[in-house]
C-alpha atoms as a PDB file:
ATOM      1  CA  MET A   1      66.428 117.282 134.344  1.00  0.00           C
ATOM      2  CA  SER A   2      67.875 113.858 134.086  1.00  0.00           C
ATOM      3  CA  VAL A   3      69.867 112.677 130.344  1.00  0.00           C
ATOM      4  CA  THR A   4      70.237 108.991 130.069  1.00  0.00           C
ATOM      5  CA  LYS A   5      72.989 107.086 128.107  1.00  0.00           C
ATOM      6  CA  GLU A   6      71.094 106.562 125.962  1.00  0.00           C
ATOM      7  CA  GLN A   7      70.197 110.113 124.759  1.00  0.00           C
ATOM      8  CA  VAL A   8      73.925 110.867 125.039  1.00  0.00           C
ATOM      9  CA  VAL A   9      74.556 108.293 122.286  1.00  0.00           C
ATOM     10  CA  GLU A  10      71.391 109.320 120.329  1.00  0.00           C
ATOM     11  CA  PHE A  11      72.716 113.056 120.331  1.00  0.00           C
ATOM     12  CA  ILE A  12      76.370 112.332 119.310  1.00  0.00           C
ATOM     13  CA  SER A  13      75.449 109.887 116.788  1.00  0.00           C
ATOM     14  CA  SER A  14      73.466 112.821 115.048  1.00  0.00           C
ATOM     15  CA  MET A  15      76.646 115.221 115.118  1.00  0.00           C
ATOM     16  CA  THR A  16      78.616 115.342 111.697  1.00  0.00           C
ATOM     17  CA  VAL A  17      82.187 114.582 111.987  1.00  0.00           C
ATOM     18  CA  LEU A  18      83.129 118.369 112.338  1.00  0.00           C
ATOM     19  CA  GLU A  19      80.714 119.308 114.872  1.00  0.00           C
ATOM     20  CA  LEU A  20      81.741 115.538 116.721  1.00  0.00           C
ATOM     21  CA  ALA A  21      85.539 116.855 116.783  1.00  0.00           C
ATOM     22  CA  ASP A  22      84.503 120.245 118.158  1.00  0.00           C
ATOM     23  CA  PHE A  23      82.641 118.619 120.772  1.00  0.00           C
ATOM     24  CA  ILE A  24      85.447 115.996 122.053  1.00  0.00           C
ATOM     25  CA  LYS A  25      87.781 119.136 121.934  1.00  0.00           C
ATOM     26  CA  GLU A  26      85.981 120.871 124.126  1.00  0.00           C
ATOM     27  CA  LEU A  27      85.508 117.412 126.887  1.00  0.00           C
ATOM     28  CA  GLU A  28      89.276 116.988 126.415  1.00  0.00           C
ATOM     29  CA  GLU A  29      89.666 121.006 127.175  1.00  0.00           C
ATOM     30  CA  LYS A  30      87.002 120.845 130.311  1.00  0.00           C
ATOM     31  CA  PHE A  31      88.132 117.462 131.622  1.00  0.00           C
ATOM     32  CA  GLY A  32      91.965 118.039 131.104  1.00  0.00           C
ATOM     33  CA  VAL A  33      92.394 114.340 129.011  1.00  0.00           C
ATOM     34  CA  SER A  34      93.489 113.084 125.889  1.00  0.00           C
ATOM     35  CA  ALA A  35      90.742 111.087 123.729  1.00  0.00           C
ATOM     36  CA  ALA A  36      92.726 109.852 120.957  1.00  0.00           C
ATOM     37  CA  ALA A  37      92.915 106.360 120.406  1.00  0.00           C
ATOM     38  CA  PRO A  38      88.794 105.997 121.558  1.00  0.00           C
ATOM     39  CA  VAL A  39      88.099 108.801 118.799  1.00  0.00           C
ATOM     40  CA  ALA A  40      89.557 106.749 116.144  1.00  0.00           C
ATOM     41  CA  ALA A  41      87.965 103.859 116.866  1.00  0.00           C
ATOM     42  CA  PHE A  42      84.728 105.842 117.182  1.00  0.00           C
ATOM     43  CA  ALA A  43      85.194 107.663 113.782  1.00  0.00           C
ATOM     44  CA  ALA A  44      86.458 104.592 112.174  1.00  0.00           C
ATOM     45  CA  ALA A  45      82.699 102.414 113.750  1.00  0.00           C
ATOM     46  CA  PRO A  46      79.957 104.223 112.447  1.00  0.00           C
ATOM     47  CA  ALA A  47      80.779 104.724 109.201  1.00  0.00           C
ATOM     48  CA  GLY A  48      79.618 101.380 107.837  1.00  0.00           C
ATOM     49  CA  ALA A  49      81.970 100.875 104.954  1.00  0.00           C
ATOM     50  CA  PRO A  50      83.260  97.666 103.795  1.00  0.00           C
ATOM     51  CA  ALA A  51      87.169  97.056 104.889  1.00  0.00           C
ATOM     52  CA  GLU A  52      87.725  97.379 100.952  1.00  0.00           C
ATOM     53  CA  ALA A  53      86.852 100.871 100.687  1.00  0.00           C
ATOM     54  CA  ALA A  54      88.478 101.207 104.136  1.00  0.00           C
ATOM     55  CA  GLU A  55      91.855 100.053 102.663  1.00  0.00           C
ATOM     56  CA  GLU A  56      91.225 102.299  99.214  1.00  0.00           C
ATOM     57  CA  LYS A  57      93.727 105.241  98.720  1.00  0.00           C
ATOM     58  CA  THR A  58      92.684 108.527  99.201  1.00  0.00           C
ATOM     59  CA  GLU A  59      95.803 110.888  99.095  1.00  0.00           C
ATOM     60  CA  PHE A  60      98.313 110.721  96.691  1.00  0.00           C
ATOM     61  CA  ASP A  61     101.246 112.280  95.815  1.00  0.00           C
ATOM     62  CA  VAL A  62     102.267 114.309  92.457  1.00  0.00           C
ATOM     63  CA  ILE A  63     105.893 113.539  91.283  1.00  0.00           C
ATOM     64  CA  LEU A  64     107.534 115.561  88.706  1.00  0.00           C
ATOM     65  CA  LYS A  65     109.797 113.430  86.699  1.00  0.00           C
ATOM     66  CA  GLU A  66     110.886 115.312  84.252  1.00  0.00           C
ATOM     67  CA  ALA A  67     110.817 118.802  83.331  1.00  0.00           C
ATOM     68  CA  GLY A  68     110.575 118.221  79.345  1.00  0.00           C
ATOM     69  CA  ALA A  69     111.220 120.464  76.494  1.00  0.00           C
ATOM     70  CA  ASN A  70     109.434 123.448  77.681  1.00  0.00           C
ATOM     71  CA  LYS A  71     111.136 123.940  81.504  1.00  0.00           C
ATOM     72  CA  ILE A  72     110.212 127.878  81.877  1.00  0.00           C
ATOM     73  CA  GLY A  73     106.025 126.699  81.588  1.00  0.00           C
ATOM     74  CA  VAL A  74     106.664 123.753  83.788  1.00  0.00           C
ATOM     75  CA  ILE A  75     108.368 126.418  86.539  1.00  0.00           C
ATOM     76  CA  LYS A  76     105.736 128.458  86.406  1.00  0.00           C
ATOM     77  CA  VAL A  77     102.725 125.475  86.819  1.00  0.00           C
ATOM     78  CA  VAL A  78     105.151 124.503  89.625  1.00  0.00           C
ATOM     79  CA  ARG A  79     105.267 127.583  91.233  1.00  0.00           C
ATOM     80  CA  ALA A  80     100.726 128.047  90.508  1.00  0.00           C
ATOM     81  CA  LEU A  81     100.644 124.764  92.267  1.00  0.00           C
ATOM     82  CA  THR A  82     103.335 124.902  95.423  1.00  0.00           C
ATOM     83  CA  GLY A  83     102.985 128.736  96.105  1.00  0.00           C
ATOM     84  CA  LEU A  84     106.255 128.555  95.946  1.00  0.00           C
ATOM     85  CA  GLY A  85     108.914 131.477  94.668  1.00  0.00           C
ATOM     86  CA  LEU A  86     110.741 131.532  91.603  1.00  0.00           C
ATOM     87  CA  LYS A  87     114.249 130.081  93.063  1.00  0.00           C
ATOM     88  CA  GLU A  88     112.507 127.472  95.035  1.00  0.00           C
ATOM     89  CA  ALA A  89     110.446 126.284  91.650  1.00  0.00           C
ATOM     90  CA  LYS A  90     112.918 126.311  89.663  1.00  0.00           C
ATOM     91  CA  ASP A  91     115.367 124.207  92.031  1.00  0.00           C
ATOM     92  CA  LYS A  92     112.310 121.873  92.540  1.00  0.00           C
ATOM     93  CA  VAL A  93     112.377 121.397  88.460  1.00  0.00           C
ATOM     94  CA  ASP A  94     116.118 121.069  88.232  1.00  0.00           C
ATOM     95  CA  GLY A  95     116.264 118.636  90.801  1.00  0.00           C
ATOM     96  CA  ALA A  96     113.624 116.446  89.422  1.00  0.00           C
ATOM     97  CA  PRO A  97     111.976 113.790  90.706  1.00  0.00           C
ATOM     98  CA  GLN A  98     110.785 115.875  93.502  1.00  0.00           C
ATOM     99  CA  THR A  99     107.446 115.766  94.813  1.00  0.00           C
ATOM    100  CA  ILE A 100     105.521 118.552  93.878  1.00  0.00           C
ATOM    101  CA  LYS A 101     102.257 118.087  95.945  1.00  0.00           C
ATOM    102  CA  GLU A 102     101.638 115.345  98.758  1.00  0.00           C
ATOM    103  CA  GLY A 103      99.309 113.786 100.399  1.00  0.00           C
ATOM    104  CA  VAL A 104      95.985 115.578  98.161  1.00  0.00           C
ATOM    105  CA  SER A 105      92.873 114.346  96.952  1.00  0.00           C
ATOM    106  CA  LYS A 106      92.683 112.139  93.596  1.00  0.00           C
ATOM    107  CA  ALA A 107      91.036 115.056  92.016  1.00  0.00           C
ATOM    108  CA  ASP A 108      93.518 117.844  92.910  1.00  0.00           C
ATOM    109  CA  ALA A 109      96.336 115.286  92.057  1.00  0.00           C
ATOM    110  CA  GLU A 110      94.751 114.087  88.945  1.00  0.00           C
ATOM    111  CA  ALA A 111      93.948 118.584  88.250  1.00  0.00           C
ATOM    112  CA  ALA A 112      97.963 118.983  89.077  1.00  0.00           C
ATOM    113  CA  LYS A 113      98.757 115.889  86.602  1.00  0.00           C
ATOM    114  CA  LYS A 114      97.089 117.575  83.782  1.00  0.00           C
ATOM    115  CA  ASP A 115      98.578 121.160  84.387  1.00  0.00           C
ATOM    116  CA  LEU A 116     102.271 119.884  84.509  1.00  0.00           C
ATOM    117  CA  THR A 117     101.713 117.310  81.243  1.00  0.00           C
ATOM    118  CA  GLU A 118     100.317 120.206  79.348  1.00  0.00           C
ATOM    119  CA  ALA A 119     103.141 122.547  80.612  1.00  0.00           C
ATOM    120  CA  GLY A 120     105.381 119.046  79.415  1.00  0.00           C
ATOM    121  CA  ALA A 121     106.738 117.812  82.095  1.00  0.00           C
ATOM    122  CA  VAL A 122     106.640 113.960  82.933  1.00  0.00           C
ATOM    123  CA  VAL A 123     104.485 113.274  85.930  1.00  0.00           C
ATOM    124  CA  GLU A 124     103.678 110.437  87.902  1.00  0.00           C
ATOM    125  CA  VAL A 125     100.807 110.060  90.667  1.00  0.00           C
ATOM    126  CA  LYS A 126     101.551 107.933  93.550  1.00  0.00           C
END
């Protein structure tokens, strides 16, 4: 059975991004090569999104500016958000301004900001 380039391209274009990533890993392992640069170009090209949408920020940092009056409540929220121990969370709150979460989605950043603000903290999302 012979497969044409067009059939291969059609097959690849029907894959999800996760399937494509797994496929590329398999090819890299089989042939002992790295496709880092071409993968980035290929992944960006089929998106078909306008340039403005590509420049939209997708990762946000949640920064604790001040602990506020309810420091204990803020420490509890920081522990819940980060999974840190009591001492580490207290050190973050005491050392404000501190980054609490890095590279999270807008929804996660807004949820963390809401939780921290409700606990009495002053928070900034960048």
